[in-house]
């Protein structure tokens, strides 16, 4: 499972209605703090975004923990993916 997929899945699990744009990969807390533009609203048809995370429940620690959990779950099912190829 790649980091981009893990990041988006973790975000959707923790807070499903979040809108943001990611520039690059999110692998570290520095990436998390600097590579995301968080949508905070619109001005007509123009999106209003900020680099400051407006969602206090989406801390790096929580997102990273969820990404780690998702990777562990994915890894634990490796045998099933390999068996599916055999059949």
N, C-alpha and C. Protein backbone atom coordinates (compact mmCIF):
# COMPACT_ATOMS: atom_id res chain seq x y z
N UNK A 1 0.85 -1.17 0.00
CA UNK A 1 0.00 0.00 0.00
C UNK A 1 0.90 1.24 0.00
N UNK A 2 0.67 2.15 -0.93
CA UNK A 2 1.55 3.33 -0.99
C UNK A 2 1.07 4.41 -0.02
N UNK A 3 1.96 5.35 0.28
CA UNK A 3 1.67 6.39 1.27
C UNK A 3 0.52 7.30 0.88
N UNK A 4 0.37 7.57 -0.40
CA UNK A 4 -0.71 8.44 -0.85
C UNK A 4 -2.06 7.78 -0.53
N UNK A 5 -2.19 6.50 -0.87
CA UNK A 5 -3.42 5.77 -0.60
C UNK A 5 -3.67 5.69 0.91
N UNK A 6 -2.62 5.41 1.68
CA UNK A 6 -2.76 5.34 3.14
C UNK A 6 -3.21 6.68 3.71
N UNK A 7 -2.61 7.77 3.24
CA UNK A 7 -2.96 9.09 3.74
C UNK A 7 -4.43 9.40 3.50
N UNK A 8 -4.88 9.24 2.25
CA UNK A 8 -6.27 9.57 1.94
C UNK A 8 -7.25 8.67 2.67
N UNK A 9 -6.93 7.40 2.80
CA UNK A 9 -7.80 6.49 3.53
C UNK A 9 -7.87 6.88 5.00
N UNK A 10 -6.72 7.20 5.59
CA UNK A 10 -6.69 7.61 7.00
C UNK A 10 -7.51 8.87 7.22
N UNK A 11 -7.37 9.85 6.35
CA UNK A 11 -8.12 11.10 6.47
C UNK A 11 -9.62 10.81 6.40
N UNK A 12 -10.04 10.01 5.45
CA UNK A 12 -11.47 9.70 5.28
C UNK A 12 -12.02 8.92 6.48
N UNK A 13 -11.22 8.06 7.08
CA UNK A 13 -11.66 7.32 8.25
C UNK A 13 -11.81 8.25 9.45
N UNK A 14 -10.85 9.15 9.64
CA UNK A 14 -10.85 10.03 10.80
C UNK A 14 -11.85 11.18 10.70
N UNK A 15 -12.05 11.69 9.47
CA UNK A 15 -13.00 12.80 9.26
C UNK A 15 -13.37 12.82 7.79
N UNK A 16 -14.50 12.24 7.49
CA UNK A 16 -14.87 11.97 6.09
C UNK A 16 -15.14 13.20 5.23
N UNK A 17 -15.47 14.33 5.81
CA UNK A 17 -15.84 15.49 5.00
C UNK A 17 -14.72 16.50 4.78
N UNK A 18 -13.50 16.11 5.05
CA UNK A 18 -12.36 17.01 4.88
C UNK A 18 -12.02 17.18 3.40
N UNK A 19 -11.73 18.41 3.02
CA UNK A 19 -11.26 18.68 1.67
C UNK A 19 -9.88 19.34 1.77
N UNK A 20 -8.94 18.76 1.05
CA UNK A 20 -7.59 19.32 1.04
C UNK A 20 -6.88 18.91 -0.24
N UNK A 21 -5.78 19.56 -0.49
CA UNK A 21 -4.93 19.25 -1.63
C UNK A 21 -3.55 18.94 -1.09
N UNK A 22 -2.97 17.85 -1.60
CA UNK A 22 -1.65 17.43 -1.14
C UNK A 22 -0.64 17.67 -2.25
N UNK A 23 0.48 18.30 -1.88
CA UNK A 23 1.56 18.54 -2.83
C UNK A 23 2.74 17.68 -2.41
N UNK A 24 2.87 16.52 -3.04
CA UNK A 24 3.94 15.60 -2.68
C UNK A 24 3.44 14.48 -1.81
N UNK A 25 4.35 13.82 -1.16
CA UNK A 25 4.06 12.68 -0.31
C UNK A 25 3.94 13.13 1.14
N UNK A 26 3.17 12.41 1.92
CA UNK A 26 3.04 12.70 3.34
C UNK A 26 3.64 11.53 4.11
N UNK A 27 4.92 11.66 4.44
CA UNK A 27 5.63 10.59 5.15
C UNK A 27 6.12 11.01 6.52
N UNK A 28 6.21 12.32 6.74
CA UNK A 28 6.73 12.83 8.00
C UNK A 28 5.82 13.94 8.53
N UNK A 29 6.04 14.31 9.77
CA UNK A 29 5.27 15.41 10.35
C UNK A 29 5.54 16.72 9.60
N UNK A 30 6.77 16.90 9.15
CA UNK A 30 7.10 18.09 8.36
C UNK A 30 6.30 18.12 7.06
N UNK A 31 6.20 16.98 6.38
CA UNK A 31 5.38 16.89 5.17
C UNK A 31 3.93 17.26 5.49
N UNK A 32 3.43 16.70 6.58
CA UNK A 32 2.05 16.93 6.99
C UNK A 32 1.80 18.42 7.24
N UNK A 33 2.75 19.08 7.85
CA UNK A 33 2.58 20.50 8.19
C UNK A 33 2.82 21.44 7.01
N UNK A 34 3.53 20.97 5.98
CA UNK A 34 3.91 21.88 4.89
C UNK A 34 3.37 21.53 3.51
N UNK A 35 2.91 20.30 3.30
CA UNK A 35 2.53 19.87 1.95
C UNK A 35 1.03 19.74 1.74
N UNK A 36 0.24 20.27 2.67
CA UNK A 36 -1.21 20.16 2.55
C UNK A 36 -1.83 21.54 2.56
N UNK A 37 -2.73 21.77 1.62
CA UNK A 37 -3.57 22.97 1.62
C UNK A 37 -4.97 22.53 2.03
N UNK A 38 -5.45 23.02 3.15
CA UNK A 38 -6.74 22.65 3.71
C UNK A 38 -7.81 23.61 3.21
N UNK A 39 -8.86 23.07 2.61
CA UNK A 39 -9.96 23.92 2.14
C UNK A 39 -10.78 24.36 3.34
N UNK A 40 -11.00 25.67 3.44
CA UNK A 40 -11.78 26.21 4.56
C UNK A 40 -13.09 26.83 4.12
N UNK A 41 -13.29 26.94 2.82
CA UNK A 41 -14.53 27.51 2.31
C UNK A 41 -14.39 27.91 0.86
N UNK A 42 -15.36 28.68 0.39
CA UNK A 42 -15.32 29.19 -0.98
C UNK A 42 -15.74 30.65 -1.00
N UNK A 43 -15.26 31.33 -2.00
CA UNK A 43 -15.64 32.71 -2.25
C UNK A 43 -16.20 32.72 -3.67
N UNK A 44 -17.48 32.50 -3.79
CA UNK A 44 -18.06 32.31 -5.12
C UNK A 44 -17.65 30.95 -5.63
N UNK A 45 -16.88 30.94 -6.70
CA UNK A 45 -16.39 29.69 -7.27
C UNK A 45 -14.92 29.41 -6.90
N UNK A 46 -14.32 30.32 -6.15
CA UNK A 46 -12.92 30.19 -5.77
C UNK A 46 -12.80 29.52 -4.40
N UNK A 47 -11.95 28.51 -4.33
CA UNK A 47 -11.71 27.80 -3.08
C UNK A 47 -10.81 28.63 -2.17
N UNK A 48 -11.15 28.67 -0.89
CA UNK A 48 -10.31 29.33 0.11
C UNK A 48 -9.56 28.24 0.86
N UNK A 49 -8.25 28.33 0.87
CA UNK A 49 -7.43 27.29 1.50
C UNK A 49 -6.39 27.91 2.41
N UNK A 50 -5.89 27.09 3.33
CA UNK A 50 -4.85 27.51 4.25
C UNK A 50 -3.88 26.36 4.48
N UNK A 51 -2.64 26.70 4.80
CA UNK A 51 -1.66 25.66 5.16
C UNK A 51 -1.82 25.26 6.63
N UNK A 52 -2.55 26.05 7.40
CA UNK A 52 -2.79 25.74 8.80
C UNK A 52 -3.99 24.79 8.90
N UNK A 53 -3.79 23.65 9.51
CA UNK A 53 -4.84 22.65 9.62
C UNK A 53 -5.98 23.18 10.50
N UNK A 54 -7.19 23.34 9.93
CA UNK A 54 -8.32 23.85 10.72
C UNK A 54 -9.08 22.75 11.46
N UNK A 55 -8.59 21.52 11.40
CA UNK A 55 -9.28 20.38 12.01
C UNK A 55 -8.45 19.85 13.18
N UNK A 56 -8.75 20.29 14.39
CA UNK A 56 -7.94 19.88 15.54
C UNK A 56 -7.94 18.38 15.79
N UNK A 57 -8.96 17.69 15.30
CA UNK A 57 -9.01 16.24 15.48
C UNK A 57 -8.12 15.49 14.49
N UNK A 58 -7.54 16.18 13.54
CA UNK A 58 -6.65 15.56 12.55
C UNK A 58 -5.20 15.95 12.82
N UNK A 59 -4.68 15.49 13.92
CA UNK A 59 -3.28 15.75 14.23
C UNK A 59 -2.40 14.77 13.45
N UNK A 60 -1.13 15.12 13.31
CA UNK A 60 -0.19 14.22 12.66
C UNK A 60 -0.15 12.88 13.40
N UNK A 61 -0.16 12.92 14.71
CA UNK A 61 -0.09 11.68 15.49
C UNK A 61 -1.25 10.75 15.17
N UNK A 62 -2.47 11.29 15.08
CA UNK A 62 -3.64 10.47 14.77
C UNK A 62 -3.62 9.96 13.33
N UNK A 63 -3.26 10.83 12.40
CA UNK A 63 -3.21 10.42 10.99
C UNK A 63 -2.11 9.38 10.80
N UNK A 64 -0.95 9.60 11.38
CA UNK A 64 0.16 8.65 11.25
C UNK A 64 -0.19 7.30 11.89
N UNK A 65 -0.86 7.33 13.04
CA UNK A 65 -1.27 6.08 13.69
C UNK A 65 -2.25 5.31 12.82
N UNK A 66 -3.16 6.01 12.19
CA UNK A 66 -4.13 5.35 11.30
C UNK A 66 -3.43 4.80 10.06
N UNK A 67 -2.48 5.55 9.52
CA UNK A 67 -1.72 5.06 8.37
C UNK A 67 -0.94 3.80 8.73
N UNK A 68 -0.36 3.77 9.92
CA UNK A 68 0.38 2.60 10.40
C UNK A 68 -0.56 1.41 10.57
N UNK A 69 -1.74 1.65 11.12
CA UNK A 69 -2.74 0.58 11.29
C UNK A 69 -3.17 0.03 9.94
N UNK A 70 -3.42 0.92 8.99
CA UNK A 70 -3.82 0.48 7.65
C UNK A 70 -2.74 -0.37 6.98
N UNK A 71 -1.47 0.04 7.15
CA UNK A 71 -0.37 -0.73 6.56
C UNK A 71 -0.28 -2.11 7.21
N UNK A 72 -0.44 -2.18 8.52
CA UNK A 72 -0.39 -3.47 9.22
C UNK A 72 -1.52 -4.38 8.76
N UNK A 73 -2.69 -3.81 8.58
CA UNK A 73 -3.83 -4.59 8.09
C UNK A 73 -3.57 -5.10 6.68
N UNK A 74 -3.05 -4.23 5.83
CA UNK A 74 -2.71 -4.61 4.46
C UNK A 74 -1.66 -5.71 4.45
N UNK A 75 -0.62 -5.56 5.25
CA UNK A 75 0.45 -6.56 5.32
C UNK A 75 -0.08 -7.90 5.82
N UNK A 76 -1.01 -7.88 6.76
CA UNK A 76 -1.53 -9.13 7.32
C UNK A 76 -2.35 -9.92 6.30
N UNK A 77 -2.78 -9.27 5.25
CA UNK A 77 -3.57 -9.96 4.22
C UNK A 77 -2.75 -10.30 2.98
N UNK A 78 -1.44 -10.21 3.09
CA UNK A 78 -0.57 -10.52 1.94
C UNK A 78 -0.77 -11.94 1.45
N UNK A 79 -0.94 -12.88 2.40
CA UNK A 79 -1.13 -14.27 2.01
C UNK A 79 -2.39 -14.43 1.14
N UNK A 80 -3.44 -13.72 1.46
CA UNK A 80 -4.69 -13.82 0.69
C UNK A 80 -4.50 -13.28 -0.72
N UNK A 81 -3.77 -12.17 -0.84
CA UNK A 81 -3.52 -11.62 -2.18
C UNK A 81 -2.69 -12.59 -3.01
N UNK A 82 -1.69 -13.24 -2.38
CA UNK A 82 -0.86 -14.19 -3.10
C UNK A 82 -1.66 -15.42 -3.51
N UNK A 83 -2.52 -15.90 -2.63
CA UNK A 83 -3.35 -17.07 -2.94
C UNK A 83 -4.33 -16.78 -4.06
N UNK A 84 -4.86 -15.56 -4.10
CA UNK A 84 -5.81 -15.21 -5.15
C UNK A 84 -5.17 -15.32 -6.52
N UNK A 85 -3.90 -15.01 -6.62
CA UNK A 85 -3.18 -15.12 -7.89
C UNK A 85 -3.06 -16.59 -8.30
N UNK A 86 -2.83 -17.47 -7.34
CA UNK A 86 -2.67 -18.90 -7.62
C UNK A 86 -3.95 -19.48 -8.20
N UNK A 87 -5.09 -19.05 -7.66
CA UNK A 87 -6.37 -19.56 -8.12
C UNK A 87 -6.82 -18.79 -9.32
